[in-house]
Protein backbone atom coordinates (compact mmCIF):
# COMPACT_ATOMS: atom_id res chain seq x y z
CA MET A 1 -52.19 -152.70 70.67
CA THR A 2 -49.55 -153.81 73.46
CA ILE A 3 -50.90 -155.17 76.41
CA SER A 4 -49.11 -154.13 79.86
CA THR A 5 -46.78 -156.67 81.38
CA THR A 6 -49.50 -157.14 84.22
CA LEU A 7 -52.17 -157.92 81.80
CA ARG A 8 -50.46 -160.25 79.69
CA LYS A 9 -49.12 -162.58 82.46
CA ALA A 10 -52.77 -162.43 83.61
CA ALA A 11 -53.84 -163.50 80.41
CA LEU A 12 -51.48 -166.26 79.82
CA PHE A 13 -51.52 -167.73 83.19
CA LEU A 14 -55.63 -167.81 82.71
CA LEU A 15 -55.91 -168.55 78.81
CA VAL A 16 -52.55 -170.05 77.55
CA THR A 17 -51.32 -173.63 78.07
CA PRO A 18 -47.62 -174.90 76.82
CA LEU A 19 -47.46 -175.88 72.90
CA LEU A 20 -44.51 -177.07 70.91
CA ALA A 21 -42.30 -174.04 69.63
CA LEU A 22 -43.74 -172.80 66.38
CA LEU A 23 -41.75 -172.29 63.06
CA ALA A 24 -40.90 -168.50 61.93
CA CYS A 25 -43.62 -166.44 61.45
CA THR A 26 -44.30 -165.58 57.76
CA SER A 27 -47.18 -163.23 56.36
CA SER A 28 -49.47 -164.91 53.54
CA GLU A 29 -52.81 -164.85 52.23
CA GLY A 30 -52.61 -168.62 50.67
CA THR A 31 -55.19 -170.00 52.55
CA GLN A 32 -57.73 -167.78 52.35
CA LYS A 33 -61.32 -168.69 51.19
CA LYS A 34 -64.71 -166.48 51.00
CA SER A 35 -67.10 -168.31 53.17
CA ALA A 36 -70.56 -169.23 51.99
CA GLN A 37 -72.19 -167.57 54.51
CA PRO A 38 -75.99 -167.80 54.72
CA ALA A 39 -78.27 -164.34 54.91
CA THR A 40 -76.64 -162.17 57.40
CA THR A 41 -78.26 -159.42 59.69
CA LYS A 42 -77.33 -155.72 58.86
CA GLY A 43 -73.72 -154.91 60.17
CA ALA A 44 -72.47 -159.02 60.19
CA PRO A 45 -68.87 -159.27 59.53
CA ARG A 46 -67.17 -160.40 56.44
CA MET A 47 -65.57 -163.36 57.01
CA ILE A 48 -62.91 -165.70 55.27
CA THR A 49 -62.33 -169.49 55.84
CA TYR A 50 -59.02 -170.77 56.96
CA PRO A 51 -58.37 -174.34 57.48
CA ILE A 52 -55.89 -175.15 60.03
CA GLY A 53 -54.46 -178.37 61.05
CA ARG A 54 -58.04 -180.79 61.20
CA PHE A 55 -60.32 -177.81 61.63
CA ALA A 56 -61.50 -174.66 59.54
CA ILE A 57 -62.42 -171.16 61.24
CA ASP A 58 -63.84 -167.95 59.82
CA VAL A 59 -61.98 -164.55 60.47
CA PRO A 60 -63.03 -161.34 59.33
CA ALA A 61 -61.74 -160.25 55.99
CA GLU A 62 -59.68 -157.33 57.55
CA MET A 63 -57.55 -159.60 58.99
CA LYS A 64 -54.43 -161.14 57.69
CA LEU A 65 -52.78 -164.63 58.45
CA ALA A 66 -49.72 -163.60 60.33
CA HIS A 67 -48.13 -167.04 61.18
CA GLN A 68 -49.25 -170.56 60.91
CA GLY A 69 -47.22 -173.72 62.24
CA GLN A 70 -47.71 -177.62 62.73
CA ARG A 71 -45.97 -180.48 63.57
CA LEU A 72 -47.33 -183.90 62.57
CA ARG A 73 -46.04 -187.31 63.84
CA TYR A 74 -43.00 -185.90 65.26
CA ALA A 75 -42.25 -184.11 62.27
CA GLU A 76 -42.36 -180.18 62.34
CA ILE A 77 -43.44 -178.79 58.71
CA GLU A 78 -42.10 -175.54 57.59
CA GLU A 79 -43.02 -174.02 54.16
CA PHE A 80 -41.99 -171.14 52.11
CA VAL A 81 -43.20 -169.85 48.38
CA TRP A 82 -40.06 -169.66 46.39
CA PRO A 83 -39.12 -166.76 44.58
CA GLY A 84 -40.17 -166.09 41.28
CA ASN A 85 -37.70 -163.85 40.22
CA VAL A 86 -34.66 -166.62 40.44
CA PRO A 87 -34.37 -169.94 38.77
CA ARG A 88 -35.85 -173.02 40.80
CA ALA A 89 -32.65 -174.90 40.81
CA GLN A 90 -30.67 -171.73 41.85
CA ALA A 91 -33.42 -171.18 44.81
CA ARG A 92 -33.20 -174.90 46.07
CA ASP A 93 -29.29 -174.58 46.45
CA GLU A 94 -29.55 -171.04 48.25
CA ALA A 95 -32.08 -172.49 50.76
CA TRP A 96 -29.85 -175.79 51.00
CA LYS A 97 -26.81 -174.04 51.72
CA LYS A 98 -28.44 -171.41 54.46
CA ARG A 99 -29.60 -174.40 56.32
CA LEU A 100 -26.63 -176.26 56.30
CA ALA A 101 -24.37 -173.57 57.08
CA GLU A 102 -26.86 -172.85 59.87
CA ILE A 103 -26.80 -176.36 61.24
CA ALA A 104 -22.90 -176.62 60.89
CA LYS A 105 -22.76 -173.99 63.36
CA LEU A 106 -24.17 -175.89 66.20
CA THR A 107 -22.36 -177.42 68.60
CA PRO A 108 -21.59 -180.92 68.17
CA PRO A 109 -21.07 -183.55 71.37
CA LYS A 110 -18.61 -184.22 73.09
CA GLY A 111 -16.00 -186.17 71.15
CA LYS A 112 -17.39 -185.22 67.52
CA ASP A 113 -15.44 -182.73 65.68
CA ARG A 114 -18.54 -181.87 63.42
CA VAL A 115 -22.33 -181.77 64.01
CA ILE A 116 -23.35 -182.84 60.47
CA ILE A 117 -23.52 -186.79 60.10
CA GLU A 118 -24.44 -187.27 56.65
CA THR A 119 -26.12 -185.72 53.60
CA ARG A 120 -28.37 -187.58 51.00
CA ASP A 121 -30.81 -187.12 48.32
CA PHE A 122 -34.31 -188.35 48.28
CA PRO A 123 -35.39 -189.64 45.00
CA GLY A 124 -39.36 -189.96 44.33
CA LEU A 125 -40.30 -187.18 47.17
CA GLY A 126 -41.65 -184.15 45.47
CA ALA A 127 -39.87 -183.05 42.60
CA TRP A 128 -36.51 -182.62 44.19
CA ALA A 129 -35.61 -183.50 47.95
CA ARG A 130 -32.57 -183.43 49.94
CA GLY A 131 -31.70 -183.99 53.61
CA VAL A 132 -29.32 -183.95 56.38
CA PHE A 133 -28.93 -185.86 59.13
CA TYR A 134 -27.19 -184.22 62.33
CA TYR A 135 -26.69 -184.08 66.24
CA GLY A 136 -29.62 -182.18 67.47
CA ASN A 137 -28.64 -182.17 71.06
CA TYR A 138 -24.86 -181.04 71.79
CA MET A 139 -25.60 -182.99 75.26
CA MET A 140 -26.24 -186.19 73.63
CA VAL A 141 -23.64 -187.91 71.31
CA ASN A 142 -26.40 -190.57 70.93
CA GLU A 143 -29.21 -189.06 69.32
CA GLY A 144 -29.57 -187.17 65.92
CA LYS A 145 -32.61 -186.03 63.52
CA TRP A 146 -32.92 -185.31 59.90
CA ALA A 147 -33.78 -181.97 58.14
CA VAL A 148 -35.25 -182.50 54.72
CA LEU A 149 -35.62 -179.81 51.94
CA LEU A 150 -38.51 -180.78 49.18
CA ASP A 151 -39.58 -178.86 46.39
CA TYR A 152 -43.34 -179.25 45.36
CA GLY A 153 -43.67 -176.72 42.41
CA ASN A 154 -44.33 -173.15 43.97
CA THR A 155 -43.82 -174.82 47.27
CA GLY A 156 -41.17 -175.35 49.23
CA VAL A 157 -41.13 -177.46 52.31
CA TRP A 158 -38.92 -178.52 55.25
CA LEU A 159 -39.75 -181.54 56.94
CA GLU A 160 -37.45 -181.85 60.57
CA THR A 161 -37.90 -184.72 62.77
CA ARG A 162 -37.37 -184.89 66.56
CA ASN A 163 -34.32 -186.25 67.91
CA ALA A 164 -33.94 -189.86 68.37
CA ILE A 165 -31.60 -192.52 69.07
CA ILE A 166 -28.66 -193.18 66.49
CA GLU A 167 -29.45 -196.55 65.77
CA THR A 168 -30.03 -198.83 62.37
CA GLU A 169 -34.12 -199.23 63.70
CA ASN A 170 -34.84 -195.96 64.70
CA ILE A 171 -33.15 -194.28 61.59
CA ASN A 172 -35.13 -196.47 59.38
CA LYS A 173 -38.44 -195.62 61.01
CA MET A 174 -37.05 -191.88 60.77
CA LEU A 175 -36.75 -192.20 57.19
CA ARG A 176 -39.84 -194.26 56.45
CA ASN A 177 -41.79 -191.41 58.72
CA ILE A 178 -40.66 -188.99 56.28
CA ASN A 179 -41.42 -190.83 53.14
CA ASN A 180 -44.98 -191.18 54.49
CA ILE A 181 -45.56 -187.83 55.55
CA ALA A 182 -43.63 -186.33 52.07
CA LYS A 183 -45.69 -188.41 49.88
CA SER A 184 -49.12 -187.60 51.76
CA TYR A 185 -48.58 -183.82 51.21
CA THR A 186 -49.98 -181.87 48.28
CA THR A 187 -50.07 -178.09 47.42
CA ARG A 188 -53.59 -176.15 47.31
CA ARG A 189 -54.26 -173.37 45.17
CA PHE A 190 -55.81 -170.23 46.69
CA GLY A 191 -59.19 -171.30 48.41
CA GLU A 192 -59.09 -174.95 48.00
CA LEU A 193 -60.37 -177.48 50.58
CA LYS A 194 -60.30 -181.25 50.42
CA PRO A 195 -63.17 -183.28 49.91
CA SER A 196 -64.74 -184.49 53.56
CA SER A 197 -64.12 -188.13 52.89
CA GLY A 198 -60.40 -188.02 53.43
CA SER A 199 -58.15 -187.70 56.61
CA TRP A 200 -56.94 -183.95 55.88
CA PHE A 201 -54.58 -182.23 58.04
CA TYR A 202 -54.23 -178.70 56.34
CA THR A 203 -51.24 -176.56 56.57
CA GLU A 204 -50.70 -172.81 55.25
CA HIS A 205 -50.07 -173.85 51.58
CA GLY A 206 -51.16 -177.34 51.51
CA ALA A 207 -52.67 -180.39 52.81
CA LEU A 208 -51.65 -184.12 54.10
CA ASN A 209 -54.48 -187.05 53.54
CA LEU A 210 -53.26 -188.97 56.87
CA PRO A 211 -55.15 -190.05 59.94
CA TYR A 212 -53.97 -189.04 63.51
CA LEU A 213 -51.19 -190.95 64.78
CA ARG A 214 -49.30 -189.01 66.95
CA GLN A 215 -47.76 -185.80 68.26
CA GLU A 216 -49.79 -183.47 66.50
CA THR A 217 -50.50 -179.67 66.52
CA ALA A 218 -51.64 -176.60 64.77
CA ALA A 219 -51.73 -172.95 65.51
CA ALA A 220 -52.29 -169.71 63.82
CA ARG A 221 -52.75 -165.91 64.19
CA PHE A 222 -54.51 -163.47 62.97
CA GLU A 223 -53.69 -159.76 62.77
CA GLY A 224 -54.61 -156.56 61.06
CA HIS A 225 -58.35 -155.61 62.04
CA PRO A 226 -59.29 -151.91 62.25
CA LEU A 227 -60.76 -152.65 65.49
CA GLY A 228 -57.27 -153.90 66.85
CA LEU A 229 -58.30 -157.39 67.21
CA GLU A 230 -55.65 -160.09 67.53
CA ILE A 231 -57.15 -163.68 66.98
CA ASP A 232 -55.35 -167.02 68.24
CA ILE A 233 -56.52 -170.64 67.62
CA GLU A 234 -53.99 -173.33 68.94
CA THR A 235 -54.91 -177.37 68.91
CA THR A 236 -52.65 -179.97 70.33
CA GLU A 237 -53.37 -183.45 71.33
CA THR A 238 -53.05 -184.28 74.87
CA HIS A 239 -51.95 -187.19 77.02
CA LYS A 240 -53.50 -185.97 80.07
CA VAL A 241 -56.93 -184.03 80.21
CA GLU A 242 -56.75 -180.88 82.85
CA GLU A 243 -59.10 -181.04 85.54
CA ALA A 244 -59.90 -177.55 85.36
CA GLY A 245 -61.27 -175.60 83.05
CA LEU A 246 -61.24 -171.97 81.97
CA ILE A 247 -63.71 -171.25 84.54
CA LYS A 248 -62.13 -172.84 87.33
CA LYS A 249 -58.73 -171.12 86.26
CA THR A 250 -59.84 -167.77 86.04
CA MET A 251 -61.48 -168.15 89.89
CA ALA A 252 -58.34 -169.89 91.11
CA ALA A 253 -56.10 -166.99 89.98
CA MET A 254 -58.53 -164.41 91.64
CA ALA A 255 -58.62 -166.44 94.69
CA THR A 256 -55.11 -166.82 95.14
CA GLY A 257 -53.99 -162.82 94.52
CA PHE A 258 -52.33 -163.92 91.41
CA ALA A 259 -54.48 -161.13 89.64
CA ALA A 260 -53.87 -158.72 92.68
CA GLY A 261 -53.86 -155.25 91.45
CA LEU A 262 -55.93 -156.30 88.30
CA ASP A 263 -59.12 -155.54 87.98
CA ILE A 264 -61.13 -158.03 86.08
CA ASP A 265 -64.96 -157.73 84.92
CA LYS A 266 -66.68 -161.16 83.95
CA ILE A 267 -68.64 -159.87 80.48
CA ARG A 268 -69.51 -163.74 79.87
CA SER A 269 -68.04 -166.88 82.01
CA ARG A 270 -70.40 -170.12 80.49
CA LYS A 271 -70.02 -173.41 79.13
CA ARG A 272 -70.32 -172.75 75.45
CA THR A 273 -70.68 -176.10 72.79
CA VAL A 274 -68.80 -175.20 69.65
CA ALA A 275 -68.57 -177.55 66.54
CA GLY A 276 -69.91 -180.35 68.98
CA LEU A 277 -67.14 -179.69 71.40
CA ASP A 278 -68.19 -178.98 74.88
CA GLY A 279 -65.80 -176.23 75.99
CA GLU A 280 -65.94 -172.93 78.27
CA GLU A 281 -66.16 -169.29 77.43
CA GLU A 282 -65.17 -166.37 79.06
CA VAL A 283 -64.98 -162.75 78.10
CA LEU A 284 -63.21 -160.52 80.31
CA ARG A 285 -62.44 -156.77 80.69
CA MET A 286 -58.92 -156.39 82.42
CA ASN A 287 -57.76 -153.25 84.07
CA ASP A 288 -54.06 -152.76 85.85
CA GLY A 289 -54.82 -149.05 86.36
CA LYS A 290 -53.05 -148.00 83.37
CA LYS A 291 -54.59 -149.58 80.73
CA THR A 292 -58.16 -151.65 80.18
CA VAL A 293 -57.91 -154.61 77.61
CA LEU A 294 -60.83 -156.98 76.72
CA ASN A 295 -59.96 -160.60 76.34
CA PHE A 296 -62.07 -163.22 74.88
CA ALA A 297 -61.67 -166.92 75.02
CA TRP A 298 -63.00 -170.32 74.43
CA GLU A 299 -61.29 -173.70 75.43
CA TYR A 300 -62.12 -177.41 74.93
CA ARG A 301 -60.30 -179.66 77.26
CA GLY A 302 -59.82 -182.59 74.60
CA ARG A 303 -59.93 -186.22 74.86
CA LYS A 304 -56.53 -188.42 75.17
CA ASP A 305 -54.72 -188.97 72.29
CA SER A 306 -57.03 -187.82 69.79
CA GLY A 307 -56.83 -185.95 66.39
CA GLU A 308 -60.54 -185.42 66.05
CA TYR A 309 -61.09 -184.13 69.97
CA PRO A 310 -57.87 -182.14 70.68
CA GLU A 311 -57.17 -179.75 73.21
CA MET A 312 -58.09 -176.47 71.76
CA ARG A 313 -57.92 -172.48 72.44
CA ILE A 314 -59.48 -169.89 70.54
CA THR A 315 -58.63 -166.07 71.80
CA MET A 316 -59.22 -162.95 70.99
CA ASP A 317 -57.46 -159.89 72.65
CA SER A 318 -58.26 -156.03 71.67
CA ALA A 319 -57.68 -152.57 73.84
CA ASP A 320 -61.21 -152.03 75.45
CA GLY A 321 -64.03 -150.44 73.54
CA LYS A 322 -67.16 -151.13 71.00
CA LEU A 323 -68.09 -154.39 72.90
CA GLU A 324 -71.11 -155.21 71.16
CA GLN A 325 -69.24 -155.22 67.62
CA LYS A 326 -66.52 -157.56 69.06
CA LEU A 327 -68.59 -159.68 70.79
CA GLN A 328 -70.71 -160.08 67.33
CA ILE A 329 -67.27 -160.66 65.59
CA TRP A 330 -66.38 -163.15 68.64
CA ASP A 331 -69.56 -165.18 68.21
CA ALA A 332 -69.21 -165.19 64.33
CA VAL A 333 -65.62 -166.76 64.65
CA LEU A 334 -66.88 -169.40 67.17
CA ASP A 335 -69.97 -170.71 65.16
CA SER A 336 -67.80 -171.04 62.24
CA LEU A 337 -65.56 -174.06 63.50
CA LYS A 338 -65.50 -177.18 61.98
CA PRO A 339 -63.67 -180.15 61.14
CA MET A 340 -62.48 -180.82 58.01
CA SER A 341 -62.93 -184.61 57.87
CA GLY A 342 -65.78 -186.64 58.99
CA THR A 343 -65.56 -187.27 62.52
CA GLY A 344 -68.82 -188.61 63.56
CA ARG A 345 -70.07 -185.29 65.36
């Protein structure tokens, strides 16, 4: 389902705030788990649970995880499954050389003849680990970042830190952070959920038992439903809680003429508490004269610098039609949201 430029622009304005860049999309069923569902009414959708960051959500069983990305404690975490038809040592070597070649092609800062500063092994992390320290910004001769490849059995992981000033104290901080994250990471089998007593942050193929500190985001996208549904969930810490909620942003867009030429029908526009989070819900039907789409959205503005109460946005999009059936799916998705650790809610 392709939404026209006008409709997409309106949806982005009304429902989306900037997030940190996500890792490249990969398709997987590795985190699916059949939900323990209570008795359901006839026609209720069959759902599957996906843990994402510090929360879990159910989506229709027909949908597949198209993308999951995350950042934790200033490090982006990129996971992949090692190829089964290649010896592990060979696969590691190929993955390492490929990333090293990509980094080597980057432009070094002025006065430097190469972008790579050093490479080293990281003994004691995973089954095997090797990292590269390099200039991550060609405009800054005094900033560098680490990219570390780790082998955790069936899963490979890249940890990449943000840029930091190249001085001994900062480099040591980066190395301690890499060490803490890598030692806290554990892989998961299909559908496995960790004990609720921990401070778990879930990735696509694993989980980390680390309490919130800072720089934490998680996002996932689901596609493939027979009704053409696309579902997104995004969580991110916020340093400043937005004053305007979802409903006010919609009203502002309509009042300022941003949505000129766009017919917007409000199907729902209300406050809605989900998983103890007091958010706002809107279901809109939008028509630009050429195409009509449905947009479902729930938004929670979060608490300042919180991992347990992050800014959160859940959206579902589709072409128009079969509204009641889609509302049933939407309600089931929202009602399933839950934190993955005890948070006092």
